[in-house]
Amino acid sequence: MIRDRYDVVIVGGGSAGCALAVRLSEDPGRRVLLLEAGPDPQPVPEIVANASMQTRLLLESPYIEMYPTPRVIDDSVFHNLAGRIMGGGSSVNVMSVLRPMRHDFDTWVAHGNPEWSYERCLPVMTRIESDQDFPHGPLHGSDGPLYVKRPFTLDMPMSDPVRAFIDRARSMGLPHCPDLNVPEPLGVCASPYCIKDGRRQSTAVAYLEMARGRS
């Protein structure tokens, strides 16, 4: 139900907007309105929810917006992809959950943003996730809203081209890296994904579902 007055209006129901709406609405005395230009279908359409349909989602669905973006180097134009649906990019992306590396944080600090150091941001990153593979380590969270798991590991059966690629990388001296979300990852790694029981865990699912009944 749309009210006449709100304490907070959030424009954009993407990854940040959904998370922000949930956090702010934890206060029962605060009225929060989340606005999204795209649809908010309930239930989530199968082409979005089913992780195995990712390619079809990108090629066939109406939930993709392509923005013409000029390249600085030569003024040519490429089309930047965005999600036009509740959850934004998290509802259409490849579902890989990758953190910035320590170098990225150090660069932000060097540009005058001391609050964005790795040490200051680590508690936030751990609070976001429920990491199924490293639930008790100091770098990961175990009870956050976002389900994170590495569905593919290097000891699992794989196709010949994938095995050849990994074996060649290892023969060149690259080590096995079990976790990409450490401060300085190096080597051959399996990517973590926000896929639970074959279903995409977008911010519309992982965050917004818990707050839909709030006023």
N, C-alpha and C. Protein backbone atom coordinates (compact mmCIF):
# COMPACT_ATOMS: atom_id res chain seq x y z
N MET A 1 0.84 -1.19 0.00
CA MET A 1 0.00 0.00 0.00
C MET A 1 0.88 1.25 0.00
N ILE A 2 0.62 2.16 -0.92
CA ILE A 2 1.37 3.41 -1.00
C ILE A 2 0.81 4.41 0.00
N ARG A 3 1.67 4.98 0.82
CA ARG A 3 1.26 5.97 1.80
C ARG A 3 1.52 7.37 1.27
N ASP A 4 1.03 8.36 1.99
CA ASP A 4 1.24 9.75 1.59
C ASP A 4 2.62 10.25 2.00
N ARG A 5 3.17 9.70 3.07
CA ARG A 5 4.43 10.21 3.59
C ARG A 5 5.37 9.05 3.95
N TYR A 6 6.65 9.26 3.66
CA TYR A 6 7.68 8.29 4.02
C TYR A 6 8.85 9.02 4.66
N ASP A 7 9.53 8.32 5.54
CA ASP A 7 10.73 8.89 6.15
C ASP A 7 11.92 8.81 5.20
N VAL A 8 11.96 7.74 4.40
CA VAL A 8 13.07 7.52 3.48
C VAL A 8 12.51 7.03 2.15
N VAL A 9 12.96 7.62 1.05
CA VAL A 9 12.63 7.15 -0.29
C VAL A 9 13.93 6.73 -0.97
N ILE A 10 14.02 5.47 -1.37
CA ILE A 10 15.20 4.92 -2.04
C ILE A 10 14.87 4.77 -3.51
N VAL A 11 15.63 5.42 -4.37
CA VAL A 11 15.39 5.37 -5.81
C VAL A 11 16.35 4.36 -6.42
N GLY A 12 15.81 3.25 -6.87
CA GLY A 12 16.61 2.20 -7.47
C GLY A 12 16.60 0.94 -6.63
N GLY A 13 15.97 -0.11 -7.14
CA GLY A 13 15.88 -1.37 -6.41
C GLY A 13 16.93 -2.36 -6.85
N GLY A 14 18.17 -1.88 -7.02
CA GLY A 14 19.27 -2.78 -7.37
C GLY A 14 19.88 -3.40 -6.13
N SER A 15 21.12 -3.86 -6.26
CA SER A 15 21.77 -4.55 -5.14
C SER A 15 21.84 -3.66 -3.91
N ALA A 16 22.32 -2.43 -4.09
CA ALA A 16 22.45 -1.53 -2.94
C ALA A 16 21.08 -1.09 -2.43
N GLY A 17 20.15 -0.79 -3.34
CA GLY A 17 18.84 -0.31 -2.92
C GLY A 17 18.07 -1.33 -2.11
N CYS A 18 18.10 -2.59 -2.52
CA CYS A 18 17.39 -3.63 -1.78
C CYS A 18 17.99 -3.81 -0.39
N ALA A 19 19.32 -3.87 -0.32
CA ALA A 19 19.97 -4.05 0.98
C ALA A 19 19.69 -2.86 1.90
N LEU A 20 19.75 -1.66 1.34
CA LEU A 20 19.51 -0.46 2.13
C LEU A 20 18.08 -0.41 2.65
N ALA A 21 17.12 -0.78 1.81
CA ALA A 21 15.72 -0.77 2.23
C ALA A 21 15.49 -1.72 3.39
N VAL A 22 16.12 -2.89 3.32
CA VAL A 22 15.94 -3.87 4.39
C VAL A 22 16.56 -3.37 5.69
N ARG A 23 17.76 -2.83 5.61
CA ARG A 23 18.43 -2.37 6.82
C ARG A 23 17.68 -1.20 7.47
N LEU A 24 17.25 -0.24 6.65
CA LEU A 24 16.58 0.93 7.21
C LEU A 24 15.20 0.58 7.78
N SER A 25 14.54 -0.39 7.17
CA SER A 25 13.19 -0.74 7.64
C SER A 25 13.20 -1.66 8.85
N GLU A 26 14.39 -2.01 9.35
CA GLU A 26 14.45 -2.78 10.59
C GLU A 26 13.89 -1.98 11.77
N ASP A 27 13.93 -0.67 11.64
CA ASP A 27 13.33 0.21 12.65
C ASP A 27 11.84 0.30 12.35
N PRO A 28 10.97 -0.26 13.21
CA PRO A 28 9.53 -0.26 12.90
C PRO A 28 8.92 1.13 12.85
N GLY A 29 9.61 2.12 13.38
CA GLY A 29 9.09 3.48 13.34
C GLY A 29 9.49 4.25 12.10
N ARG A 30 10.26 3.62 11.21
CA ARG A 30 10.74 4.31 10.01
C ARG A 30 10.01 3.76 8.79
N ARG A 31 9.36 4.62 8.05
CA ARG A 31 8.66 4.22 6.83
C ARG A 31 9.60 4.38 5.63
N VAL A 32 9.75 3.30 4.89
CA VAL A 32 10.71 3.26 3.79
C VAL A 32 9.98 2.90 2.50
N LEU A 33 10.22 3.68 1.45
CA LEU A 33 9.67 3.40 0.12
C LEU A 33 10.82 3.10 -0.83
N LEU A 34 10.77 1.94 -1.49
CA LEU A 34 11.78 1.54 -2.46
C LEU A 34 11.16 1.62 -3.85
N LEU A 35 11.75 2.44 -4.72
CA LEU A 35 11.25 2.63 -6.08
C LEU A 35 12.18 1.95 -7.08
N GLU A 36 11.61 1.21 -8.01
CA GLU A 36 12.39 0.53 -9.05
C GLU A 36 11.68 0.71 -10.39
N ALA A 37 12.45 1.14 -11.41
CA ALA A 37 11.86 1.39 -12.73
C ALA A 37 11.37 0.11 -13.39
N GLY A 38 12.04 -1.00 -13.12
CA GLY A 38 11.64 -2.27 -13.71
C GLY A 38 10.55 -2.94 -12.90
N PRO A 39 10.09 -4.09 -13.35
CA PRO A 39 9.02 -4.81 -12.65
C PRO A 39 9.52 -5.49 -11.39
N ASP A 40 8.58 -5.86 -10.55
CA ASP A 40 8.86 -6.61 -9.33
C ASP A 40 7.97 -7.84 -9.32
N PRO A 41 8.21 -8.77 -10.26
CA PRO A 41 7.30 -9.91 -10.40
C PRO A 41 7.39 -10.86 -9.22
N GLN A 42 6.23 -11.32 -8.78
CA GLN A 42 6.13 -12.30 -7.71
C GLN A 42 5.21 -13.43 -8.16
N PRO A 43 5.69 -14.67 -8.22
CA PRO A 43 7.06 -15.08 -7.88
C PRO A 43 8.07 -14.63 -8.94
N VAL A 44 9.34 -14.77 -8.61
CA VAL A 44 10.40 -14.40 -9.55
C VAL A 44 10.29 -15.31 -10.78
N PRO A 45 10.32 -14.75 -11.99
CA PRO A 45 10.21 -15.58 -13.20
C PRO A 45 11.28 -16.66 -13.25
N GLU A 46 10.92 -17.79 -13.80
CA GLU A 46 11.83 -18.94 -13.84
C GLU A 46 13.12 -18.61 -14.58
N ILE A 47 13.04 -17.80 -15.62
CA ILE A 47 14.23 -17.46 -16.39
C ILE A 47 15.22 -16.65 -15.56
N VAL A 48 14.73 -15.97 -14.53
CA VAL A 48 15.60 -15.23 -13.61
C VAL A 48 16.04 -16.11 -12.45
N ALA A 49 15.11 -16.85 -11.88
CA ALA A 49 15.38 -17.61 -10.66
C ALA A 49 16.25 -18.84 -10.90
N ASN A 50 16.07 -19.50 -12.03
CA ASN A 50 16.78 -20.74 -12.32
C ASN A 50 18.19 -20.43 -12.80
N ALA A 51 19.18 -20.79 -11.99
CA ALA A 51 20.57 -20.44 -12.32
C ALA A 51 21.03 -21.07 -13.62
N SER A 52 20.47 -22.21 -13.99
CA SER A 52 20.91 -22.89 -15.22
C SER A 52 20.43 -22.18 -16.48
N MET A 53 19.54 -21.19 -16.33
CA MET A 53 19.01 -20.48 -17.49
C MET A 53 19.71 -19.14 -17.70
N GLN A 54 20.91 -18.98 -17.15
CA GLN A 54 21.62 -17.71 -17.22
C GLN A 54 21.83 -17.22 -18.64
N THR A 55 22.22 -18.10 -19.55
CA THR A 55 22.48 -17.67 -20.93
C THR A 55 21.19 -17.18 -21.59
N ARG A 56 20.11 -17.91 -21.41
CA ARG A 56 18.83 -17.48 -21.97
C ARG A 56 18.38 -16.16 -21.37
N LEU A 57 18.65 -15.98 -20.08
CA LEU A 57 18.28 -14.73 -19.41
C LEU A 57 18.95 -13.54 -20.10
N LEU A 58 20.22 -13.67 -20.41
CA LEU A 58 20.95 -12.57 -21.04
C LEU A 58 20.52 -12.33 -22.47
N LEU A 59 20.14 -13.39 -23.18
CA LEU A 59 19.85 -13.27 -24.60
C LEU A 59 18.38 -13.04 -24.92
N GLU A 60 17.48 -13.49 -24.04
CA GLU A 60 16.07 -13.52 -24.42
C GLU A 60 15.13 -12.75 -23.51
N SER A 61 15.56 -12.43 -22.30
CA SER A 61 14.59 -11.90 -21.34
C SER A 61 14.35 -10.40 -21.53
N PRO A 62 13.21 -9.91 -21.07
CA PRO A 62 12.92 -8.47 -21.13
C PRO A 62 13.51 -7.70 -19.95
N TYR A 63 14.30 -8.37 -19.12
CA TYR A 63 14.78 -7.74 -17.89
C TYR A 63 16.20 -7.20 -18.02
N ILE A 64 16.67 -7.09 -19.26
CA ILE A 64 18.02 -6.59 -19.53
C ILE A 64 17.91 -5.22 -20.19
N GLU A 65 18.69 -4.28 -19.71
CA GLU A 65 18.77 -2.95 -20.33
C GLU A 65 20.21 -2.74 -20.81
N MET A 66 20.35 -2.32 -22.07
CA MET A 66 21.67 -2.08 -22.64
C MET A 66 21.87 -0.58 -22.81
N TYR A 67 22.89 -0.05 -22.14
CA TYR A 67 23.15 1.38 -22.18
C TYR A 67 24.36 1.67 -23.06
N PRO A 68 24.19 2.47 -24.13
CA PRO A 68 25.35 2.82 -24.95
C PRO A 68 26.34 3.67 -24.15
N THR A 69 27.57 3.22 -24.14
CA THR A 69 28.60 3.86 -23.31
C THR A 69 29.83 4.13 -24.15
N PRO A 70 30.29 5.38 -24.24
CA PRO A 70 31.49 5.67 -25.05
C PRO A 70 32.76 5.24 -24.34
N ARG A 71 33.69 4.70 -25.11
CA ARG A 71 35.01 4.36 -24.58
C ARG A 71 35.88 5.62 -24.58
N VAL A 72 36.58 5.84 -23.49
CA VAL A 72 37.42 7.03 -23.37
C VAL A 72 38.56 6.99 -24.37
N ILE A 73 39.08 5.80 -24.64
CA ILE A 73 40.30 5.70 -25.44
C ILE A 73 40.09 6.11 -26.89
N ASP A 74 38.90 5.83 -27.46
CA ASP A 74 38.72 6.13 -28.88
C ASP A 74 37.31 6.61 -29.23
N ASP A 75 36.48 6.87 -28.23
CA ASP A 75 35.11 7.35 -28.43
C ASP A 75 34.19 6.34 -29.12
N SER A 76 34.65 5.12 -29.29
CA SER A 76 33.75 4.10 -29.81
C SER A 76 32.73 3.75 -28.72
N VAL A 77 31.67 3.08 -29.10
CA VAL A 77 30.57 2.84 -28.18
C VAL A 77 30.40 1.34 -27.94
N PHE A 78 30.28 0.97 -26.69
CA PHE A 78 29.88 -0.39 -26.35
C PHE A 78 28.61 -0.30 -25.50
N HIS A 79 27.90 -1.40 -25.40
CA HIS A 79 26.63 -1.40 -24.68
C HIS A 79 26.81 -2.07 -23.33
N ASN A 80 26.67 -1.27 -22.30
CA ASN A 80 26.82 -1.73 -20.93
C ASN A 80 25.52 -2.38 -20.46
N LEU A 81 25.63 -3.53 -19.85
CA LEU A 81 24.45 -4.30 -19.46
C LEU A 81 24.03 -3.97 -18.03
N ALA A 82 22.73 -3.83 -17.83
CA ALA A 82 22.18 -3.61 -16.49
C ALA A 82 20.86 -4.36 -16.38
N GLY A 83 20.46 -4.62 -15.15
CA GLY A 83 19.19 -5.31 -14.91
C GLY A 83 18.06 -4.31 -14.76
N ARG A 84 16.95 -4.57 -15.43
CA ARG A 84 15.76 -3.73 -15.29
C ARG A 84 14.66 -4.58 -14.65
N ILE A 85 14.84 -4.84 -13.37
CA ILE A 85 13.95 -5.68 -12.58
C ILE A 85 14.36 -5.50 -11.13
N MET A 86 13.46 -5.77 -10.21
CA MET A 86 13.83 -5.66 -8.80
C MET A 86 15.03 -6.57 -8.52
N GLY A 87 16.02 -6.01 -7.86
CA GLY A 87 17.28 -6.70 -7.65
C GLY A 87 18.38 -6.20 -8.58
N GLY A 88 17.98 -5.47 -9.64
CA GLY A 88 18.96 -4.87 -10.54
C GLY A 88 19.92 -5.89 -11.12
N GLY A 89 21.20 -5.54 -11.10
CA GLY A 89 22.21 -6.42 -11.66
C GLY A 89 22.28 -7.77 -10.99
N SER A 90 21.95 -7.84 -9.70
CA SER A 90 22.01 -9.13 -9.01
C SER A 90 20.95 -10.10 -9.51
N SER A 91 19.96 -9.60 -10.25
CA SER A 91 18.92 -10.47 -10.81
C SER A 91 19.25 -10.94 -12.22
N VAL A 92 20.33 -10.43 -12.81
CA VAL A 92 20.66 -10.82 -14.18
C VAL A 92 22.14 -11.19 -14.36
N ASN A 93 22.98 -10.97 -13.35
CA ASN A 93 24.41 -11.21 -13.54
C ASN A 93 24.74 -12.70 -13.47
N VAL A 94 26.03 -13.02 -13.53
CA VAL A 94 26.44 -14.43 -13.58
C VAL A 94 26.53 -15.07 -12.20
N MET A 95 26.15 -14.33 -11.16
CA MET A 95 26.00 -14.86 -9.79
C MET A 95 27.32 -15.17 -9.09
N SER A 96 28.42 -14.71 -9.65
CA SER A 96 29.72 -14.90 -9.00
C SER A 96 29.88 -13.86 -7.89
N VAL A 97 30.34 -14.29 -6.73
CA VAL A 97 30.46 -13.41 -5.57
C VAL A 97 31.94 -13.17 -5.29
N LEU A 98 32.47 -12.08 -5.83
CA LEU A 98 33.89 -11.79 -5.71
C LEU A 98 34.10 -10.47 -4.97
N ARG A 99 34.99 -10.49 -4.01
CA ARG A 99 35.32 -9.28 -3.27
C ARG A 99 36.45 -8.52 -3.98
N PRO A 100 36.56 -7.22 -3.71
CA PRO A 100 37.76 -6.50 -4.15
C PRO A 100 38.99 -7.07 -3.46
N MET A 101 40.15 -6.92 -4.10
CA MET A 101 41.40 -7.34 -3.49
C MET A 101 41.94 -6.24 -2.58
N ARG A 102 42.88 -6.60 -1.74
CA ARG A 102 43.44 -5.61 -0.82
C ARG A 102 44.00 -4.40 -1.57
N HIS A 103 44.59 -4.64 -2.73
CA HIS A 103 45.14 -3.53 -3.52
C HIS A 103 44.06 -2.52 -3.87
N ASP A 104 42.85 -2.99 -4.17
CA ASP A 104 41.75 -2.08 -4.48
C ASP A 104 41.43 -1.19 -3.29
N PHE A 105 41.34 -1.81 -2.12
CA PHE A 105 41.06 -1.02 -0.91
C PHE A 105 42.18 -0.02 -0.64
N ASP A 106 43.42 -0.46 -0.80
CA ASP A 106 44.56 0.44 -0.58
C ASP A 106 44.51 1.63 -1.53
N THR A 107 44.08 1.39 -2.76
CA THR A 107 43.97 2.47 -3.74
C THR A 107 42.90 3.47 -3.33
N TRP A 108 41.77 2.98 -2.84
CA TRP A 108 40.71 3.89 -2.39
C TRP A 108 41.18 4.74 -1.21
N VAL A 109 41.92 4.11 -0.30
CA VAL A 109 42.45 4.86 0.84
C VAL A 109 43.43 5.92 0.36
N ALA A 110 44.29 5.55 -0.59
CA ALA A 110 45.28 6.49 -1.12
C ALA A 110 44.64 7.69 -1.81
N HIS A 111 43.41 7.52 -2.28
CA HIS A 111 42.69 8.62 -2.93
C HIS A 111 41.85 9.42 -1.94
N GLY A 112 42.11 9.22 -0.65
CA GLY A 112 41.46 10.06 0.34
C GLY A 112 40.23 9.48 0.99
N ASN A 113 40.10 8.14 0.97
CA ASN A 113 38.92 7.49 1.56
C ASN A 113 39.34 6.51 2.65
N PRO A 114 39.76 7.01 3.80
CA PRO A 114 40.28 6.12 4.85
C PRO A 114 39.26 5.13 5.38
N GLU A 115 37.97 5.43 5.26
CA GLU A 115 36.94 4.52 5.75
C GLU A 115 36.81 3.27 4.88
N TRP A 116 37.46 3.29 3.70
CA TRP A 116 37.35 2.17 2.77
C TRP A 116 38.58 1.26 2.82
N SER A 117 39.27 1.22 3.93
CA SER A 117 40.40 0.30 4.06
C SER A 117 39.88 -1.13 4.16
N TYR A 118 40.75 -2.09 3.87
CA TYR A 118 40.35 -3.49 3.96
C TYR A 118 39.89 -3.83 5.37
N GLU A 119 40.63 -3.35 6.36
CA GLU A 119 40.31 -3.68 7.75
C GLU A 119 38.95 -3.12 8.16
N ARG A 120 38.61 -1.92 7.66
CA ARG A 120 37.33 -1.32 8.03
C ARG A 120 36.17 -2.00 7.30
N CYS A 121 36.42 -2.49 6.09
CA CYS A 121 35.34 -3.08 5.29
C CYS A 121 35.14 -4.57 5.53
N LEU A 122 36.16 -5.25 6.08
CA LEU A 122 36.03 -6.69 6.28
C LEU A 122 34.83 -7.07 7.14
N PRO A 123 34.54 -6.39 8.25
CA PRO A 123 33.35 -6.77 9.03
C PRO A 123 32.05 -6.65 8.23
N VAL A 124 32.00 -5.69 7.33
CA VAL A 124 30.80 -5.54 6.49
C VAL A 124 30.69 -6.70 5.51
N MET A 125 31.81 -7.07 4.90
CA MET A 125 31.79 -8.16 3.92
C MET A 125 31.43 -9.49 4.58
N THR A 126 31.90 -9.70 5.80
CA THR A 126 31.55 -10.95 6.48
C THR A 126 30.09 -10.95 6.93
N ARG A 127 29.57 -9.77 7.28
CA ARG A 127 28.18 -9.69 7.73
C ARG A 127 27.20 -9.94 6.58
N ILE A 128 27.62 -9.68 5.36
CA ILE A 128 26.76 -9.87 4.20
C ILE A 128 26.48 -11.34 3.93
N GLU A 129 27.47 -12.20 4.15
CA GLU A 129 27.44 -13.54 3.59
C GLU A 129 27.17 -14.65 4.60
N SER A 130 26.72 -15.76 4.03
CA SER A 130 26.68 -17.03 4.75
C SER A 130 27.49 -18.00 3.91
N ASP A 131 28.80 -18.02 4.15
CA ASP A 131 29.72 -18.81 3.34
C ASP A 131 29.66 -20.27 3.77
N GLN A 132 29.28 -21.13 2.83
CA GLN A 132 29.09 -22.54 3.15
C GLN A 132 30.39 -23.33 3.21
N ASP A 133 31.45 -22.80 2.62
CA ASP A 133 32.72 -23.52 2.56
C ASP A 133 33.71 -23.10 3.64
N PHE A 134 33.64 -21.84 4.07
CA PHE A 134 34.54 -21.33 5.10
C PHE A 134 33.74 -20.61 6.19
N PRO A 135 32.81 -21.31 6.83
CA PRO A 135 31.89 -20.62 7.75
C PRO A 135 32.53 -20.16 9.06
N HIS A 136 33.66 -20.75 9.42
CA HIS A 136 34.22 -20.45 10.73
C HIS A 136 35.56 -19.72 10.66
N GLY A 137 35.99 -19.35 9.47
CA GLY A 137 37.25 -18.64 9.33
C GLY A 137 37.10 -17.17 9.66
N PRO A 138 38.21 -16.49 9.93
CA PRO A 138 38.15 -15.07 10.30
C PRO A 138 37.79 -14.14 9.15
N LEU A 139 37.85 -14.64 7.91
CA LEU A 139 37.60 -13.79 6.75
C LEU A 139 36.19 -13.94 6.20
N HIS A 140 35.38 -14.82 6.78
CA HIS A 140 34.08 -15.10 6.20
C HIS A 140 32.98 -15.10 7.25
N GLY A 141 31.76 -14.85 6.78
CA GLY A 141 30.61 -14.87 7.65
C GLY A 141 29.83 -16.16 7.50
N SER A 142 29.04 -16.49 8.50
CA SER A 142 28.28 -17.74 8.48
C SER A 142 26.78 -17.54 8.64
N ASP A 143 26.33 -16.34 8.94
CA ASP A 143 24.90 -16.15 9.17
C ASP A 143 24.34 -14.91 8.49
N GLY A 144 25.00 -14.44 7.43
CA GLY A 144 24.49 -13.30 6.68
C GLY A 144 23.38 -13.72 5.73
N PRO A 145 22.71 -12.76 5.11
CA PRO A 145 21.58 -13.08 4.24
C PRO A 145 21.96 -13.70 2.90
N LEU A 146 23.21 -13.47 2.44
CA LEU A 146 23.58 -13.93 1.10
C LEU A 146 24.28 -15.29 1.17
N TYR A 147 23.63 -16.29 0.59
CA TYR A 147 24.18 -17.65 0.53
C TYR A 147 25.33 -17.68 -0.47
N VAL A 148 26.49 -18.18 -0.04
CA VAL A 148 27.68 -18.23 -0.89
C VAL A 148 28.27 -19.64 -0.83
N LYS A 149 28.51 -20.21 -2.00
CA LYS A 149 29.11 -21.54 -2.06
C LYS A 149 29.90 -21.69 -3.36
N ARG A 150 30.93 -22.53 -3.30
CA ARG A 150 31.73 -22.84 -4.48
C ARG A 150 31.26 -24.19 -5.02
N PRO A 151 30.37 -24.18 -6.01
CA PRO A 151 29.78 -25.43 -6.49
C PRO A 151 30.75 -26.30 -7.28
N PHE A 152 31.85 -25.69 -7.71
CA PHE A 152 32.84 -26.42 -8.49
C PHE A 152 34.18 -26.35 -7.77
N THR A 153 34.80 -27.49 -7.55
CA THR A 153 36.13 -27.53 -6.95
C THR A 153 37.07 -28.26 -7.90
N LEU A 154 38.35 -28.03 -7.73
CA LEU A 154 39.33 -28.53 -8.70
C LEU A 154 39.52 -30.04 -8.64
N ASP A 155 38.98 -30.70 -7.62
CA ASP A 155 39.10 -32.15 -7.55
C ASP A 155 37.86 -32.87 -8.11
N MET A 156 36.91 -32.10 -8.64
CA MET A 156 35.70 -32.68 -9.20
C MET A 156 35.92 -33.10 -10.65
N PRO A 157 35.10 -34.02 -11.17
CA PRO A 157 35.17 -34.34 -12.60
C PRO A 157 34.89 -33.10 -13.44
N MET A 158 35.59 -32.98 -14.56
CA MET A 158 35.43 -31.80 -15.42
C MET A 158 35.70 -32.19 -16.86
N SER A 159 35.31 -31.32 -17.77
CA SER A 159 35.52 -31.60 -19.19
C SER A 159 37.00 -31.56 -19.53
N ASP A 160 37.36 -32.18 -20.63
CA ASP A 160 38.76 -32.22 -21.04
C ASP A 160 39.35 -30.82 -21.26
N PRO A 161 38.63 -29.89 -21.93
CA PRO A 161 39.21 -28.55 -22.10
C PRO A 161 39.47 -27.83 -20.78
N VAL A 162 38.54 -27.96 -19.82
CA VAL A 162 38.73 -27.31 -18.53
C VAL A 162 39.91 -27.94 -17.79
N ARG A 163 39.99 -29.26 -17.81
CA ARG A 163 41.11 -29.94 -17.15
C ARG A 163 42.43 -29.53 -17.79
N ALA A 164 42.47 -29.43 -19.12
CA ALA A 164 43.70 -29.04 -19.81
C ALA A 164 44.12 -27.62 -19.42
N PHE A 165 43.14 -26.73 -19.32
CA PHE A 165 43.43 -25.34 -18.93
C PHE A 165 44.03 -25.29 -17.52
N ILE A 166 43.41 -26.01 -16.59
CA ILE A 166 43.88 -26.00 -15.21
C ILE A 166 45.26 -26.64 -15.10
N ASP A 167 45.44 -27.78 -15.77
CA ASP A 167 46.74 -28.45 -15.71
C ASP A 167 47.84 -27.57 -16.29
N ARG A 168 47.53 -26.85 -17.37
CA ARG A 168 48.54 -25.97 -17.97
C ARG A 168 48.88 -24.82 -17.02
N ALA A 169 47.87 -24.26 -16.39
CA ALA A 169 48.12 -23.17 -15.44
C ALA A 169 48.99 -23.65 -14.28
N ARG A 170 48.71 -24.85 -13.78
CA ARG A 170 49.50 -25.38 -12.67
C ARG A 170 50.93 -25.67 -13.11
N SER A 171 51.10 -26.14 -14.36
CA SER A 171 52.44 -26.44 -14.85
C SER A 171 53.28 -25.18 -15.02
N MET A 172 52.62 -24.03 -15.15
CA MET A 172 53.33 -22.75 -15.27
C MET A 172 53.69 -22.17 -13.91
N GLY A 173 53.36 -22.90 -12.86
CA GLY A 173 53.74 -22.46 -11.52
C GLY A 173 52.66 -21.80 -10.71
N LEU A 174 51.45 -21.68 -11.26
CA LEU A 174 50.36 -21.08 -10.50
C LEU A 174 49.87 -22.07 -9.45
N PRO A 175 49.78 -21.66 -8.21
CA PRO A 175 49.36 -22.59 -7.15
C PRO A 175 47.85 -22.79 -7.15
N HIS A 176 47.43 -23.78 -6.42
CA HIS A 176 46.00 -23.97 -6.18
C HIS A 176 45.55 -22.96 -5.12
N CYS A 177 44.52 -22.21 -5.44
CA CYS A 177 44.00 -21.20 -4.51
C CYS A 177 42.58 -21.61 -4.13
N PRO A 178 42.36 -22.11 -2.93
CA PRO A 178 41.03 -22.62 -2.57
C PRO A 178 39.98 -21.54 -2.38
N ASP A 179 40.41 -20.29 -2.16
CA ASP A 179 39.45 -19.23 -1.84
C ASP A 179 39.84 -17.94 -2.55
N LEU A 180 38.99 -17.50 -3.47
CA LEU A 180 39.24 -16.25 -4.19
C LEU A 180 39.01 -15.02 -3.33
N ASN A 181 38.26 -15.17 -2.25
CA ASN A 181 37.88 -14.01 -1.45
C ASN A 181 38.79 -13.79 -0.24
N VAL A 182 40.06 -14.10 -0.42
CA VAL A 182 41.07 -13.72 0.57
C VAL A 182 41.64 -12.37 0.14
N PRO A 183 42.39 -11.69 1.00
CA PRO A 183 42.87 -10.34 0.64
C PRO A 183 43.72 -10.30 -0.62
N GLU A 184 44.57 -11.32 -0.83
CA GLU A 184 45.47 -11.31 -1.98
C GLU A 184 45.45 -12.68 -2.65
N PRO A 185 44.39 -13.01 -3.37
CA PRO A 185 44.30 -14.34 -3.99
C PRO A 185 45.31 -14.49 -5.13
N LEU A 186 45.84 -15.69 -5.27
CA LEU A 186 46.79 -15.98 -6.35
C LEU A 186 46.66 -17.44 -6.72
N GLY A 187 46.51 -17.70 -8.00
CA GLY A 187 46.52 -19.08 -8.46
C GLY A 187 45.25 -19.48 -9.17
N VAL A 188 45.07 -20.78 -9.28
CA VAL A 188 43.91 -21.36 -9.96
C VAL A 188 42.81 -21.56 -8.92
N CYS A 189 41.70 -20.91 -9.14
CA CYS A 189 40.65 -20.87 -8.12
C CYS A 189 39.30 -21.27 -8.71
N ALA A 190 38.44 -21.76 -7.85
CA ALA A 190 37.04 -21.96 -8.19
C ALA A 190 36.25 -20.78 -7.64
N SER A 191 35.39 -20.22 -8.46
CA SER A 191 34.67 -19.01 -8.06
C SER A 191 33.52 -19.35 -7.12
N PRO A 192 33.29 -18.50 -6.11
CA PRO A 192 32.10 -18.65 -5.27
C PRO A 192 30.88 -18.04 -5.97
N TYR A 193 29.72 -18.65 -5.74
CA TYR A 193 28.49 -18.19 -6.37
C TYR A 193 27.38 -18.04 -5.34
N CYS A 194 26.43 -17.17 -5.65
CA CYS A 194 25.24 -17.03 -4.81
C CYS A 194 24.10 -17.82 -5.44
N ILE A 195 24.27 -19.14 -5.44
CA ILE A 195 23.28 -20.07 -5.98
C ILE A 195 22.95 -21.08 -4.89
N LYS A 196 21.69 -21.18 -4.55
CA LYS A 196 21.25 -22.11 -3.51
C LYS A 196 20.21 -23.06 -4.09
N ASP A 197 20.53 -24.34 -4.07
CA ASP A 197 19.63 -25.36 -4.62
C ASP A 197 19.24 -25.04 -6.06
N GLY A 198 20.21 -24.53 -6.82
CA GLY A 198 19.97 -24.23 -8.22
C GLY A 198 19.24 -22.93 -8.48
N ARG A 199 19.00 -22.13 -7.43
CA ARG A 199 18.23 -20.90 -7.58
C ARG A 199 19.10 -19.68 -7.29
N ARG A 200 18.94 -18.66 -8.10
CA ARG A 200 19.67 -17.41 -7.94
C ARG A 200 19.29 -16.72 -6.63
N GLN A 201 20.31 -16.30 -5.88
CA GLN A 201 20.07 -15.57 -4.64
C GLN A 201 20.38 -14.08 -4.88
N SER A 202 19.51 -13.41 -5.60
CA SER A 202 19.68 -11.98 -5.84
C SER A 202 19.39 -11.22 -4.54
N THR A 203 19.66 -9.92 -4.54
CA THR A 203 19.31 -9.15 -3.35
C THR A 203 17.80 -9.06 -3.17
N ALA A 204 17.04 -9.20 -4.26
CA ALA A 204 15.58 -9.23 -4.14
C ALA A 204 15.12 -10.47 -3.38
N VAL A 205 15.89 -11.54 -3.47
CA VAL A 205 15.57 -12.78 -2.77
C VAL A 205 16.23 -12.81 -1.40
N ALA A 206 17.55 -12.59 -1.36
CA ALA A 206 18.30 -12.74 -0.12
C ALA A 206 17.97 -11.66 0.90
N TYR A 207 17.68 -10.46 0.42
CA TYR A 207 17.41 -9.34 1.33
C TYR A 207 15.92 -8.98 1.37
N LEU A 208 15.37 -8.65 0.22
CA LEU A 208 14.06 -8.00 0.21
C LEU A 208 12.94 -8.90 0.71
N GLU A 209 13.06 -10.21 0.48
CA GLU A 209 11.99 -11.12 0.90
C GLU A 209 11.70 -11.01 2.40
N MET A 210 12.74 -10.78 3.19
CA MET A 210 12.54 -10.73 4.64
C MET A 210 11.86 -9.45 5.10
N ALA A 211 11.73 -8.48 4.20
CA ALA A 211 11.19 -7.17 4.61
C ALA A 211 9.89 -6.81 3.91
N ARG A 212 9.38 -7.65 3.05
CA ARG A 212 8.20 -7.27 2.26
C ARG A 212 6.97 -7.01 3.11
N GLY A 213 6.88 -7.61 4.26
CA GLY A 213 5.71 -7.40 5.09
C GLY A 213 5.79 -6.19 5.99
N ARG A 214 6.92 -5.50 5.95
CA ARG A 214 7.06 -4.32 6.80
C ARG A 214 6.34 -3.13 6.19
N SER A 215 5.85 -2.25 7.02
CA SER A 215 5.12 -1.08 6.52
C SER A 215 6.09 0.03 6.16
